[in-house]
């Protein structure tokens, strides 16, 4: 599992949200979001930006380039 996938799971769980709720927030279908968490797919840049904004972290943090959110 990639750092990106692990961080997505950690951030979602930290807010007690379901995959369905988060997928709706990011404007993707649940299966697409699940693939992000399973490391099977990477989001488009626009979705990645929404994720970072929603969780209040940097894109570098999501990508595993820094450990500072």
N, C-alpha and C. Protein backbone atom coordinates (compact mmCIF):
# COMPACT_ATOMS: atom_id res chain seq x y z
N UNK A 1 0.85 -1.17 0.00
CA UNK A 1 0.00 0.00 0.00
C UNK A 1 0.90 1.24 0.00
N UNK A 2 0.52 2.23 -0.77
CA UNK A 2 1.32 3.45 -0.88
C UNK A 2 1.07 4.39 0.29
N UNK A 3 1.98 5.31 0.47
CA UNK A 3 1.82 6.33 1.51
C UNK A 3 0.52 7.11 1.25
N UNK A 4 0.26 7.43 -0.01
CA UNK A 4 -0.96 8.15 -0.37
C UNK A 4 -2.19 7.39 0.13
N UNK A 5 -2.27 6.11 -0.16
CA UNK A 5 -3.41 5.30 0.26
C UNK A 5 -3.54 5.27 1.78
N UNK A 6 -2.43 5.07 2.46
CA UNK A 6 -2.44 5.01 3.93
C UNK A 6 -2.92 6.32 4.53
N UNK A 7 -2.47 7.42 3.95
CA UNK A 7 -2.86 8.72 4.49
C UNK A 7 -4.33 9.01 4.22
N UNK A 8 -4.83 8.61 3.07
CA UNK A 8 -6.26 8.80 2.80
C UNK A 8 -7.10 8.06 3.84
N UNK A 9 -6.74 6.83 4.11
CA UNK A 9 -7.47 6.03 5.09
C UNK A 9 -7.38 6.67 6.47
N UNK A 10 -6.19 7.07 6.85
CA UNK A 10 -5.96 7.68 8.16
C UNK A 10 -6.79 8.96 8.31
N UNK A 11 -6.78 9.81 7.31
CA UNK A 11 -7.53 11.06 7.38
C UNK A 11 -9.04 10.82 7.41
N UNK A 12 -9.51 9.89 6.60
CA UNK A 12 -10.95 9.58 6.57
C UNK A 12 -11.39 8.99 7.90
N UNK A 13 -10.62 8.02 8.41
CA UNK A 13 -10.96 7.40 9.69
C UNK A 13 -10.91 8.41 10.84
N UNK A 14 -9.98 9.35 10.75
CA UNK A 14 -9.85 10.37 11.79
C UNK A 14 -11.08 11.25 11.90
N UNK A 15 -11.83 11.33 10.84
CA UNK A 15 -13.07 12.13 10.85
C UNK A 15 -14.31 11.24 10.94
N UNK A 16 -14.10 9.94 11.11
CA UNK A 16 -15.21 8.99 11.21
C UNK A 16 -16.17 9.08 10.03
N UNK A 17 -15.61 9.15 8.83
CA UNK A 17 -16.41 9.22 7.62
C UNK A 17 -16.37 7.90 6.88
N UNK A 18 -17.42 7.61 6.16
CA UNK A 18 -17.45 6.41 5.32
C UNK A 18 -16.83 6.72 3.96
N UNK A 19 -16.48 5.68 3.24
CA UNK A 19 -15.97 5.88 1.89
C UNK A 19 -17.03 6.55 1.02
N UNK A 20 -18.27 6.20 1.23
CA UNK A 20 -19.37 6.78 0.46
C UNK A 20 -19.48 8.28 0.70
N UNK A 21 -19.37 8.71 1.95
CA UNK A 21 -19.46 10.13 2.27
C UNK A 21 -18.30 10.91 1.64
N UNK A 22 -17.11 10.35 1.73
CA UNK A 22 -15.94 11.04 1.18
C UNK A 22 -16.00 11.08 -0.34
N UNK A 23 -16.41 10.00 -0.95
CA UNK A 23 -16.54 9.97 -2.41
C UNK A 23 -17.50 11.06 -2.89
N UNK A 24 -18.61 11.23 -2.19
CA UNK A 24 -19.58 12.26 -2.55
C UNK A 24 -18.97 13.65 -2.40
N UNK A 25 -18.21 13.85 -1.34
CA UNK A 25 -17.55 15.14 -1.11
C UNK A 25 -16.59 15.50 -2.24
N UNK A 26 -15.89 14.48 -2.77
CA UNK A 26 -14.89 14.72 -3.80
C UNK A 26 -15.47 14.60 -5.22
N UNK A 27 -16.74 14.26 -5.32
CA UNK A 27 -17.39 14.19 -6.62
C UNK A 27 -16.97 13.01 -7.47
N UNK A 28 -16.67 11.88 -6.80
CA UNK A 28 -16.30 10.66 -7.52
C UNK A 28 -17.22 9.53 -7.07
N UNK A 29 -17.32 8.49 -7.87
CA UNK A 29 -18.12 7.33 -7.46
C UNK A 29 -17.36 6.56 -6.38
N UNK A 30 -18.10 5.83 -5.57
CA UNK A 30 -17.50 5.11 -4.44
C UNK A 30 -16.39 4.17 -4.91
N UNK A 31 -16.61 3.46 -5.98
CA UNK A 31 -15.60 2.50 -6.46
C UNK A 31 -14.29 3.21 -6.83
N UNK A 32 -14.38 4.38 -7.42
CA UNK A 32 -13.17 5.14 -7.76
C UNK A 32 -12.44 5.52 -6.49
N UNK A 33 -13.18 5.98 -5.49
CA UNK A 33 -12.53 6.35 -4.21
C UNK A 33 -11.89 5.13 -3.56
N UNK A 34 -12.57 4.01 -3.58
CA UNK A 34 -12.01 2.78 -3.01
C UNK A 34 -10.69 2.43 -3.68
N UNK A 35 -10.62 2.62 -4.97
CA UNK A 35 -9.38 2.33 -5.70
C UNK A 35 -8.24 3.25 -5.26
N UNK A 36 -8.55 4.48 -4.87
CA UNK A 36 -7.52 5.36 -4.33
C UNK A 36 -6.98 4.78 -3.03
N UNK A 37 -7.88 4.34 -2.16
CA UNK A 37 -7.47 3.79 -0.87
C UNK A 37 -6.75 2.44 -1.02
N UNK A 38 -7.09 1.68 -2.02
CA UNK A 38 -6.45 0.37 -2.23
C UNK A 38 -5.16 0.49 -3.03
N UNK A 39 -4.84 1.71 -3.48
CA UNK A 39 -3.62 1.91 -4.24
C UNK A 39 -3.70 1.43 -5.68
N UNK A 40 -4.90 1.27 -6.18
CA UNK A 40 -5.10 0.77 -7.54
C UNK A 40 -5.20 1.89 -8.56
N UNK A 41 -5.41 3.12 -8.08
CA UNK A 41 -5.63 4.24 -8.98
C UNK A 41 -5.22 5.52 -8.27
N UNK A 42 -4.82 6.52 -9.05
CA UNK A 42 -4.48 7.83 -8.48
C UNK A 42 -5.50 8.86 -9.00
N UNK A 43 -5.86 9.82 -8.15
CA UNK A 43 -6.86 10.80 -8.56
C UNK A 43 -6.30 11.83 -9.54
N UNK A 44 -7.20 12.47 -10.25
CA UNK A 44 -6.82 13.60 -11.09
C UNK A 44 -6.37 14.74 -10.19
N UNK A 45 -5.61 15.65 -10.76
CA UNK A 45 -5.09 16.77 -9.98
C UNK A 45 -6.20 17.56 -9.31
N UNK A 46 -7.29 17.80 -10.01
CA UNK A 46 -8.38 18.58 -9.41
C UNK A 46 -8.97 17.88 -8.19
N UNK A 47 -9.06 16.56 -8.24
CA UNK A 47 -9.56 15.79 -7.09
C UNK A 47 -8.55 15.80 -5.97
N UNK A 48 -7.29 15.69 -6.29
CA UNK A 48 -6.23 15.73 -5.28
C UNK A 48 -6.24 17.07 -4.54
N UNK A 49 -6.45 18.15 -5.25
CA UNK A 49 -6.53 19.47 -4.62
C UNK A 49 -7.73 19.54 -3.68
N UNK A 50 -8.87 19.02 -4.12
CA UNK A 50 -10.07 18.99 -3.25
C UNK A 50 -9.81 18.19 -1.99
N UNK A 51 -9.11 17.06 -2.13
CA UNK A 51 -8.79 16.22 -0.97
C UNK A 51 -7.93 16.99 0.03
N UNK A 52 -6.89 17.62 -0.47
CA UNK A 52 -5.99 18.38 0.40
C UNK A 52 -6.74 19.49 1.11
N UNK A 53 -7.57 20.22 0.38
CA UNK A 53 -8.36 21.30 0.97
C UNK A 53 -9.34 20.77 2.01
N UNK A 54 -10.02 19.70 1.69
CA UNK A 54 -11.02 19.12 2.60
C UNK A 54 -10.39 18.70 3.92
N UNK A 55 -9.24 18.05 3.85
CA UNK A 55 -8.58 17.56 5.06
C UNK A 55 -7.66 18.58 5.71
N UNK A 56 -7.43 19.70 5.04
CA UNK A 56 -6.57 20.74 5.62
C UNK A 56 -5.10 20.35 5.65
N UNK A 57 -4.68 19.61 4.63
CA UNK A 57 -3.28 19.18 4.53
C UNK A 57 -2.73 19.60 3.17
N UNK A 58 -1.43 19.48 3.01
CA UNK A 58 -0.83 19.82 1.72
C UNK A 58 -0.86 18.61 0.77
N UNK A 59 -0.74 18.91 -0.49
CA UNK A 59 -0.64 17.84 -1.49
C UNK A 59 0.62 17.03 -1.25
N UNK A 60 1.70 17.70 -0.84
CA UNK A 60 2.95 16.99 -0.54
C UNK A 60 2.74 15.99 0.59
N UNK A 61 1.94 16.34 1.58
CA UNK A 61 1.66 15.40 2.67
C UNK A 61 0.90 14.18 2.14
N UNK A 62 -0.13 14.42 1.35
CA UNK A 62 -0.89 13.30 0.78
C UNK A 62 -0.01 12.39 -0.06
N UNK A 63 0.92 13.00 -0.80
CA UNK A 63 1.78 12.23 -1.70
C UNK A 63 2.95 11.55 -0.98
N UNK A 64 3.12 11.86 0.30
CA UNK A 64 4.20 11.24 1.05
C UNK A 64 5.55 11.94 0.91
N UNK A 65 5.52 13.17 0.40
CA UNK A 65 6.77 13.91 0.21
C UNK A 65 7.20 14.62 1.47
N UNK A 66 6.29 14.77 2.44
CA UNK A 66 6.59 15.37 3.73
C UNK A 66 5.72 14.70 4.78
N UNK A 67 6.18 14.76 6.02
CA UNK A 67 5.39 14.22 7.12
C UNK A 67 4.66 15.32 7.87
N UNK A 68 4.78 16.54 7.39
CA UNK A 68 4.09 17.67 8.00
C UNK A 68 2.80 17.95 7.22
N UNK A 69 1.67 17.75 7.89
CA UNK A 69 0.39 17.96 7.19
C UNK A 69 0.22 19.37 6.68
